[in-house]
């Protein structure tokens, strides 16, 4: 199968094919189900103290953004090993390599509707912190079917997202937003939202060349993404897409 995948295919497109084949071959539709539940429970255990950290911060929005990026380390498509608490402590004092924070705040201030593109299941608890801090009408986007440890509807509900935001599916099982594979419902939201916030590498890979304004929040976890962004592996990013800048 790999020999027939075009070299120009994005990583989410390739992963979509591979994980569909895994599900078909093993008969297991959601092979990371237990790991996703465990990561959500781990994040929820930290949630109360992180909520206090955000609310007591001199800049709650910035702290919530950094915590949302910290949750991006829970990526089993990159590595099965991570230390969530250490990652949080590190990122809270780390300076972003790309930091379009003033543009983010200006867009947020004017935005009436916000589309928030989720990434990994455990990360959705950290997304919840940022959504609560933003405190505006938000629609949260999940994958249509299980793929790697990405967030699906039940994961978002387990994280409490349904209590603070509307939830829709992208209409695609790809581990990233690939517009031509998404549903008409999603595309309508994507086109008409006043602001789009995109989490993680997979969504960046699918949307980095889009012509509409998107704010990307992620950690550069591999050399390819780091090179594309012009940063170092391990750097944290709050970036407008290059097509807009």
C-alpha atoms as a PDB file:
ATOM      1  CA  UNK A   1       0.000   0.000   0.000  1.00  0.00           C
ATOM      2  CA  UNK A   2       2.801   2.423   0.902  1.00  0.00           C
ATOM      3  CA  UNK A   3       4.371   2.215  -2.558  1.00  0.00           C
ATOM      4  CA  UNK A   4       1.119   3.543  -4.049  1.00  0.00           C
ATOM      5  CA  UNK A   5       0.832   6.584  -1.738  1.00  0.00           C
ATOM      6  CA  UNK A   6       1.879   9.747  -3.639  1.00  0.00           C
ATOM      7  CA  UNK A   7       4.950  11.498  -2.295  1.00  0.00           C
ATOM      8  CA  UNK A   8       3.010  14.765  -2.276  1.00  0.00           C
ATOM      9  CA  UNK A   9       0.384  13.376   0.121  1.00  0.00           C
ATOM     10  CA  UNK A  10       0.340  15.152   3.481  1.00  0.00           C
ATOM     11  CA  UNK A  11       1.102  13.126   6.632  1.00  0.00           C
ATOM     12  CA  UNK A  12      -2.588  13.174   7.712  1.00  0.00           C
ATOM     13  CA  UNK A  13      -3.611  11.790   4.311  1.00  0.00           C
ATOM     14  CA  UNK A  14      -1.063   8.991   4.592  1.00  0.00           C
ATOM     15  CA  UNK A  15      -1.970   8.237   8.209  1.00  0.00           C
ATOM     16  CA  UNK A  16      -5.660   8.067   7.310  1.00  0.00           C
ATOM     17  CA  UNK A  17      -4.938   5.279   4.819  1.00  0.00           C
ATOM     18  CA  UNK A  18      -2.611   3.415   7.185  1.00  0.00           C
ATOM     19  CA  UNK A  19      -4.905   3.473  10.202  1.00  0.00           C
ATOM     20  CA  UNK A  20      -7.908   2.414   8.127  1.00  0.00           C
ATOM     21  CA  UNK A  21      -5.832  -0.584   7.026  1.00  0.00           C
ATOM     22  CA  UNK A  22      -4.866  -1.310  10.652  1.00  0.00           C
ATOM     23  CA  UNK A  23      -8.518  -1.255  11.719  1.00  0.00           C
ATOM     24  CA  UNK A  24      -9.509  -3.455   8.794  1.00  0.00           C
ATOM     25  CA  UNK A  25      -6.715  -5.980   9.424  1.00  0.00           C
ATOM     26  CA  UNK A  26      -7.053  -6.207  13.216  1.00  0.00           C
ATOM     27  CA  UNK A  27     -10.811  -5.769  13.500  1.00  0.00           C
ATOM     28  CA  UNK A  28     -10.144  -3.109  16.153  1.00  0.00           C
ATOM     29  CA  UNK A  29     -11.747   0.217  15.231  1.00  0.00           C
ATOM     30  CA  UNK A  30     -10.114   2.249  18.027  1.00  0.00           C
ATOM     31  CA  UNK A  31      -6.745   0.679  18.940  1.00  0.00           C
ATOM     32  CA  UNK A  32      -5.750   3.615  21.186  1.00  0.00           C
ATOM     33  CA  UNK A  33      -9.024   3.682  23.128  1.00  0.00           C
ATOM     34  CA  UNK A  34      -7.503   2.712  26.494  1.00  0.00           C
ATOM     35  CA  UNK A  35      -4.566   5.098  26.077  1.00  0.00           C
ATOM     36  CA  UNK A  36      -6.954   7.928  25.221  1.00  0.00           C
ATOM     37  CA  UNK A  37      -9.054   7.321  28.315  1.00  0.00           C
ATOM     38  CA  UNK A  38      -5.910   7.193  30.464  1.00  0.00           C
ATOM     39  CA  UNK A  39      -4.577  10.467  29.028  1.00  0.00           C
ATOM     40  CA  UNK A  40      -7.907  12.216  29.599  1.00  0.00           C
ATOM     41  CA  UNK A  41      -8.004  11.015  33.218  1.00  0.00           C
ATOM     42  CA  UNK A  42      -4.401  12.155  33.738  1.00  0.00           C
ATOM     43  CA  UNK A  43      -5.211  15.596  32.366  1.00  0.00           C
ATOM     44  CA  UNK A  44      -8.459  15.872  34.366  1.00  0.00           C
ATOM     45  CA  UNK A  45      -6.506  15.100  37.551  1.00  0.00           C
ATOM     46  CA  UNK A  46      -4.343  18.153  36.820  1.00  0.00           C
ATOM     47  CA  UNK A  47      -7.259  20.330  35.701  1.00  0.00           C
ATOM     48  CA  UNK A  48      -8.223  21.881  39.098  1.00  0.00           C
ATOM     49  CA  UNK A  49      -4.713  23.147  39.847  1.00  0.00           C
ATOM     50  CA  UNK A  50      -4.224  24.322  36.269  1.00  0.00           C
ATOM     51  CA  UNK A  51      -7.514  26.223  36.449  1.00  0.00           C
ATOM     52  CA  UNK A  52      -6.232  28.033  39.541  1.00  0.00           C
ATOM     53  CA  UNK A  53      -2.946  28.730  37.747  1.00  0.00           C
ATOM     54  CA  UNK A  54      -4.820  30.344  34.844  1.00  0.00           C
ATOM     55  CA  UNK A  55      -7.157  32.407  37.029  1.00  0.00           C
ATOM     56  CA  UNK A  56      -4.319  33.710  39.237  1.00  0.00           C
ATOM     57  CA  UNK A  57      -2.059  34.554  36.298  1.00  0.00           C
ATOM     58  CA  UNK A  58      -1.250  38.190  35.391  1.00  0.00           C
ATOM     59  CA  UNK A  59      -2.279  37.219  31.845  1.00  0.00           C
ATOM     60  CA  UNK A  60      -4.850  34.391  32.039  1.00  0.00           C
ATOM     61  CA  UNK A  61      -5.268  34.163  28.257  1.00  0.00           C
ATOM     62  CA  UNK A  62      -1.542  33.728  27.635  1.00  0.00           C
ATOM     63  CA  UNK A  63      -1.249  31.128  30.401  1.00  0.00           C
ATOM     64  CA  UNK A  64      -4.247  29.219  28.983  1.00  0.00           C
ATOM     65  CA  UNK A  65      -2.691  29.314  25.501  1.00  0.00           C
ATOM     66  CA  UNK A  66       0.602  27.928  26.820  1.00  0.00           C
ATOM     67  CA  UNK A  67      -1.209  25.163  28.690  1.00  0.00           C
ATOM     68  CA  UNK A  68      -3.172  24.316  25.544  1.00  0.00           C
ATOM     69  CA  UNK A  69       0.137  23.983  23.699  1.00  0.00           C
ATOM     70  CA  UNK A  70       1.558  21.862  26.548  1.00  0.00           C
ATOM     71  CA  UNK A  71      -1.273  19.379  26.010  1.00  0.00           C
ATOM     72  CA  UNK A  72      -0.067  18.947  22.426  1.00  0.00           C
ATOM     73  CA  UNK A  73       2.717  16.671  23.735  1.00  0.00           C
ATOM     74  CA  UNK A  74       0.138  13.860  24.150  1.00  0.00           C
ATOM     75  CA  UNK A  75       0.753  12.621  20.617  1.00  0.00           C
ATOM     76  CA  UNK A  76       1.064   8.855  20.260  1.00  0.00           C
ATOM     77  CA  UNK A  77       1.669   9.255  16.550  1.00  0.00           C
ATOM     78  CA  UNK A  78       5.034  10.806  17.445  1.00  0.00           C
ATOM     79  CA  UNK A  79       6.024   9.114  20.707  1.00  0.00           C
ATOM     80  CA  UNK A  80       4.441   6.858  23.312  1.00  0.00           C
ATOM     81  CA  UNK A  81       6.563   8.429  26.055  1.00  0.00           C
ATOM     82  CA  UNK A  82       6.007  11.836  27.576  1.00  0.00           C
ATOM     83  CA  UNK A  83       5.936  13.431  31.021  1.00  0.00           C
ATOM     84  CA  UNK A  84       2.904  15.685  31.092  1.00  0.00           C
ATOM     85  CA  UNK A  85       3.704  17.529  34.330  1.00  0.00           C
ATOM     86  CA  UNK A  86       7.279  18.220  33.263  1.00  0.00           C
ATOM     87  CA  UNK A  87       6.039  19.431  29.895  1.00  0.00           C
ATOM     88  CA  UNK A  88       3.620  21.855  31.570  1.00  0.00           C
ATOM     89  CA  UNK A  89       6.325  23.268  33.854  1.00  0.00           C
ATOM     90  CA  UNK A  90       8.699  23.687  30.927  1.00  0.00           C
ATOM     91  CA  UNK A  91       6.268  25.337  28.524  1.00  0.00           C
ATOM     92  CA  UNK A  92       4.920  27.813  31.090  1.00  0.00           C
ATOM     93  CA  UNK A  93       8.372  29.447  31.203  1.00  0.00           C
ATOM     94  CA  UNK A  94       9.309  28.819  27.562  1.00  0.00           C
ATOM     95  CA  UNK A  95       9.248  31.705  25.091  1.00  0.00           C
ATOM     96  CA  UNK A  96       7.392  30.839  21.872  1.00  0.00           C
ATOM     97  CA  UNK A  97       9.573  30.785  18.757  1.00  0.00           C
ATOM     98  CA  UNK A  98       6.712  32.353  16.781  1.00  0.00           C
ATOM     99  CA  UNK A  99       4.409  34.542  18.814  1.00  0.00           C
ATOM    100  CA  UNK A 100       1.558  36.337  17.050  1.00  0.00           C
ATOM    101  CA  UNK A 101      -0.167  37.034  20.342  1.00  0.00           C
ATOM    102  CA  UNK A 102      -1.169  40.633  19.656  1.00  0.00           C
ATOM    103  CA  UNK A 103      -2.819  39.558  16.387  1.00  0.00           C
ATOM    104  CA  UNK A 104      -4.539  36.705  18.234  1.00  0.00           C
ATOM    105  CA  UNK A 105      -5.943  39.081  20.865  1.00  0.00           C
ATOM    106  CA  UNK A 106      -7.080  41.633  18.276  1.00  0.00           C
ATOM    107  CA  UNK A 107      -8.894  38.970  16.242  1.00  0.00           C
ATOM    108  CA  UNK A 108     -10.400  37.422  19.360  1.00  0.00           C
ATOM    109  CA  UNK A 109     -11.716  40.761  20.572  1.00  0.00           C
ATOM    110  CA  UNK A 110     -13.708  41.260  17.356  1.00  0.00           C
ATOM    111  CA  UNK A 111     -14.793  37.635  16.928  1.00  0.00           C
ATOM    112  CA  UNK A 112     -18.407  36.689  17.543  1.00  0.00           C
ATOM    113  CA  UNK A 113     -18.018  33.054  16.464  1.00  0.00           C
ATOM    114  CA  UNK A 114     -14.924  30.897  16.941  1.00  0.00           C
ATOM    115  CA  UNK A 115     -14.072  27.523  15.415  1.00  0.00           C
ATOM    116  CA  UNK A 116     -11.611  25.501  17.512  1.00  0.00           C
ATOM    117  CA  UNK A 117      -9.958  22.531  15.777  1.00  0.00           C
ATOM    118  CA  UNK A 118      -9.137  19.802  18.308  1.00  0.00           C
ATOM    119  CA  UNK A 119      -6.202  17.434  18.018  1.00  0.00           C
ATOM    120  CA  UNK A 120      -5.414  14.733  20.586  1.00  0.00           C
ATOM    121  CA  UNK A 121      -7.819  13.240  23.129  1.00  0.00           C
ATOM    122  CA  UNK A 122      -5.964  14.111  26.352  1.00  0.00           C
ATOM    123  CA  UNK A 123      -5.114  17.504  24.926  1.00  0.00           C
ATOM    124  CA  UNK A 124      -8.822  18.331  24.807  1.00  0.00           C
ATOM    125  CA  UNK A 125      -8.792  18.872  28.593  1.00  0.00           C
ATOM    126  CA  UNK A 126      -6.245  21.647  28.034  1.00  0.00           C
ATOM    127  CA  UNK A 127      -8.363  22.987  25.181  1.00  0.00           C
ATOM    128  CA  UNK A 128     -11.190  23.187  27.711  1.00  0.00           C
ATOM    129  CA  UNK A 129      -9.102  25.554  29.856  1.00  0.00           C
ATOM    130  CA  UNK A 130      -8.487  27.860  26.915  1.00  0.00           C
ATOM    131  CA  UNK A 131     -12.122  27.759  25.783  1.00  0.00           C
ATOM    132  CA  UNK A 132     -13.274  28.652  29.310  1.00  0.00           C
ATOM    133  CA  UNK A 133     -10.783  31.529  29.415  1.00  0.00           C
ATOM    134  CA  UNK A 134     -11.890  32.879  26.030  1.00  0.00           C
ATOM    135  CA  UNK A 135     -15.532  32.744  27.228  1.00  0.00           C
ATOM    136  CA  UNK A 136     -17.164  33.285  23.832  1.00  0.00           C
ATOM    137  CA  UNK A 137     -19.369  31.075  21.642  1.00  0.00           C
ATOM    138  CA  UNK A 138     -17.086  28.313  20.362  1.00  0.00           C
ATOM    139  CA  UNK A 139     -17.612  25.294  18.136  1.00  0.00           C
ATOM    140  CA  UNK A 140     -15.142  22.489  18.839  1.00  0.00           C
ATOM    141  CA  UNK A 141     -14.174  20.146  15.994  1.00  0.00           C
ATOM    142  CA  UNK A 142     -13.359  16.456  16.495  1.00  0.00           C
ATOM    143  CA  UNK A 143     -12.377  13.630  14.109  1.00  0.00           C
ATOM    144  CA  UNK A 144     -15.263  11.719  12.574  1.00  0.00           C
ATOM    145  CA  UNK A 145     -13.823   8.285  13.442  1.00  0.00           C
ATOM    146  CA  UNK A 146     -10.995   6.984  15.657  1.00  0.00           C
ATOM    147  CA  UNK A 147      -7.490   7.536  14.286  1.00  0.00           C
ATOM    148  CA  UNK A 148      -4.308   7.288  16.383  1.00  0.00           C
ATOM    149  CA  UNK A 149      -5.139   9.005  19.717  1.00  0.00           C
ATOM    150  CA  UNK A 150      -6.963  11.943  18.145  1.00  0.00           C
ATOM    151  CA  UNK A 151     -10.088  13.345  19.765  1.00  0.00           C
ATOM    152  CA  UNK A 152     -13.484  11.990  18.717  1.00  0.00           C
ATOM    153  CA  UNK A 153     -16.910  12.970  20.062  1.00  0.00           C
ATOM    154  CA  UNK A 154     -16.861  10.695  23.120  1.00  0.00           C
ATOM    155  CA  UNK A 155     -13.366  11.864  24.085  1.00  0.00           C
ATOM    156  CA  UNK A 156     -14.490  15.496  23.953  1.00  0.00           C
ATOM    157  CA  UNK A 157     -17.500  14.661  26.128  1.00  0.00           C
ATOM    158  CA  UNK A 158     -15.260  12.808  28.600  1.00  0.00           C
ATOM    159  CA  UNK A 159     -13.085  15.936  28.799  1.00  0.00           C
ATOM    160  CA  UNK A 160     -16.084  18.172  29.528  1.00  0.00           C
ATOM    161  CA  UNK A 161     -15.962  20.100  26.258  1.00  0.00           C
ATOM    162  CA  UNK A 162     -19.694  19.554  25.726  1.00  0.00           C
ATOM    163  CA  UNK A 163     -20.389  21.655  28.838  1.00  0.00           C
ATOM    164  CA  UNK A 164     -18.781  24.780  27.372  1.00  0.00           C
ATOM    165  CA  UNK A 165     -18.877  24.479  23.570  1.00  0.00           C
ATOM    166  CA  UNK A 166     -20.811  23.001  20.692  1.00  0.00           C
ATOM    167  CA  UNK A 167     -19.114  19.964  19.163  1.00  0.00           C
ATOM    168  CA  UNK A 168     -19.102  18.974  15.497  1.00  0.00           C
ATOM    169  CA  UNK A 169     -17.202  16.406  13.450  1.00  0.00           C
ATOM    170  CA  UNK A 170     -14.828  17.362  10.655  1.00  0.00           C
ATOM    171  CA  UNK A 171     -16.547  14.653   8.612  1.00  0.00           C
ATOM    172  CA  UNK A 172     -13.173  13.010   8.072  1.00  0.00           C
ATOM    173  CA  UNK A 173     -11.179  10.322   9.880  1.00  0.00           C
ATOM    174  CA  UNK A 174      -7.851  11.860   8.838  1.00  0.00           C
ATOM    175  CA  UNK A 175      -5.663  12.952  11.794  1.00  0.00           C
ATOM    176  CA  UNK A 176      -5.674  16.518  10.518  1.00  0.00           C
ATOM    177  CA  UNK A 177      -8.009  18.909   8.733  1.00  0.00           C
ATOM    178  CA  UNK A 178      -7.835  18.238   4.990  1.00  0.00           C
ATOM    179  CA  UNK A 179     -10.565  20.522   3.598  1.00  0.00           C
ATOM    180  CA  UNK A 180     -11.363  18.448   0.500  1.00  0.00           C
ATOM    181  CA  UNK A 181     -12.080  15.430   2.736  1.00  0.00           C
ATOM    182  CA  UNK A 182     -14.257  17.288   5.235  1.00  0.00           C
ATOM    183  CA  UNK A 183     -18.048  17.539   5.389  1.00  0.00           C
ATOM    184  CA  UNK A 184     -20.064  20.415   3.974  1.00  0.00           C
ATOM    185  CA  UNK A 185     -21.179  21.241   7.534  1.00  0.00           C
ATOM    186  CA  UNK A 186     -17.577  21.648   8.666  1.00  0.00           C
ATOM    187  CA  UNK A 187     -16.599  23.666   5.598  1.00  0.00           C
ATOM    188  CA  UNK A 188     -19.482  26.056   6.225  1.00  0.00           C
ATOM    189  CA  UNK A 189     -18.264  26.620   9.784  1.00  0.00           C
ATOM    190  CA  UNK A 190     -14.661  26.962   8.583  1.00  0.00           C
ATOM    191  CA  UNK A 191     -15.602  29.531   5.950  1.00  0.00           C
ATOM    192  CA  UNK A 192     -17.950  31.614   8.082  1.00  0.00           C
ATOM    193  CA  UNK A 193     -16.355  31.611  11.556  1.00  0.00           C
ATOM    194  CA  UNK A 194     -14.936  34.946  12.667  1.00  0.00           C
ATOM    195  CA  UNK A 195     -11.856  33.184  14.067  1.00  0.00           C
ATOM    196  CA  UNK A 196     -10.255  29.759  13.597  1.00  0.00           C
ATOM    197  CA  UNK A 197      -7.920  28.278  16.228  1.00  0.00           C
ATOM    198  CA  UNK A 198      -6.055  25.161  15.119  1.00  0.00           C
ATOM    199  CA  UNK A 199      -4.307  22.783  17.506  1.00  0.00           C
ATOM    200  CA  UNK A 200      -1.437  20.445  16.731  1.00  0.00           C
ATOM    201  CA  UNK A 201       0.803  19.317  13.902  1.00  0.00           C
ATOM    202  CA  UNK A 202      -1.782  17.314  11.960  1.00  0.00           C
ATOM    203  CA  UNK A 203      -4.112  20.279  11.553  1.00  0.00           C
ATOM    204  CA  UNK A 204      -1.143  22.475  10.654  1.00  0.00           C
ATOM    205  CA  UNK A 205      -0.053  20.012   7.967  1.00  0.00           C
ATOM    206  CA  UNK A 206      -3.505  20.078   6.415  1.00  0.00           C
ATOM    207  CA  UNK A 207      -4.088  23.826   6.658  1.00  0.00           C
ATOM    208  CA  UNK A 208      -0.687  25.520   6.477  1.00  0.00           C
ATOM    209  CA  UNK A 209      -1.374  26.755   2.933  1.00  0.00           C
ATOM    210  CA  UNK A 210      -4.988  27.828   3.447  1.00  0.00           C
ATOM    211  CA  UNK A 211      -5.807  31.352   2.370  1.00  0.00           C
ATOM    212  CA  UNK A 212      -8.123  32.143   5.281  1.00  0.00           C
ATOM    213  CA  UNK A 213      -6.806  33.402   8.611  1.00  0.00           C
ATOM    214  CA  UNK A 214      -5.980  30.569  11.021  1.00  0.00           C
ATOM    215  CA  UNK A 215      -4.104  30.731  14.321  1.00  0.00           C
ATOM    216  CA  UNK A 216      -1.955  27.636  14.865  1.00  0.00           C
ATOM    217  CA  UNK A 217      -1.082  26.492  18.389  1.00  0.00           C
ATOM    218  CA  UNK A 218       1.398  23.624  18.520  1.00  0.00           C
ATOM    219  CA  UNK A 219       4.710  22.234  19.620  1.00  0.00           C
ATOM    220  CA  UNK A 220       7.133  21.465  16.765  1.00  0.00           C
ATOM    221  CA  UNK A 221       7.710  17.787  17.558  1.00  0.00           C
ATOM    222  CA  UNK A 222       9.530  16.686  14.422  1.00  0.00           C
ATOM    223  CA  UNK A 223      12.309  18.151  12.236  1.00  0.00           C
ATOM    224  CA  UNK A 224      10.083  18.390   9.139  1.00  0.00           C
ATOM    225  CA  UNK A 225       7.502  20.641  10.825  1.00  0.00           C
ATOM    226  CA  UNK A 226      10.235  22.625  12.578  1.00  0.00           C
ATOM    227  CA  UNK A 227      11.987  23.262   9.252  1.00  0.00           C
ATOM    228  CA  UNK A 228       8.736  24.272   7.582  1.00  0.00           C
ATOM    229  CA  UNK A 229       8.053  26.786  10.347  1.00  0.00           C
ATOM    230  CA  UNK A 230      11.669  27.975  10.497  1.00  0.00           C
ATOM    231  CA  UNK A 231      12.070  26.964  14.156  1.00  0.00           C
ATOM    232  CA  UNK A 232      13.847  24.289  16.191  1.00  0.00           C
ATOM    233  CA  UNK A 233      12.393  20.938  17.173  1.00  0.00           C
ATOM    234  CA  UNK A 234      10.774  21.364  20.587  1.00  0.00           C
ATOM    235  CA  UNK A 235       9.824  25.007  20.045  1.00  0.00           C
ATOM    236  CA  UNK A 236       6.297  26.171  20.834  1.00  0.00           C
ATOM    237  CA  UNK A 237       4.287  28.145  18.319  1.00  0.00           C
ATOM    238  CA  UNK A 238       1.423  30.653  18.236  1.00  0.00           C
ATOM    239  CA  UNK A 239       1.375  31.556  14.563  1.00  0.00           C
ATOM    240  CA  UNK A 240      -0.868  33.064  11.942  1.00  0.00           C
ATOM    241  CA  UNK A 241      -0.713  31.123   8.687  1.00  0.00           C
ATOM    242  CA  UNK A 242       1.947  32.341   6.315  1.00  0.00           C
ATOM    243  CA  UNK A 243      -0.551  33.046   3.534  1.00  0.00           C
ATOM    244  CA  UNK A 244      -2.063  35.865   5.633  1.00  0.00           C
ATOM    245  CA  UNK A 245       1.072  37.424   7.110  1.00  0.00           C
END
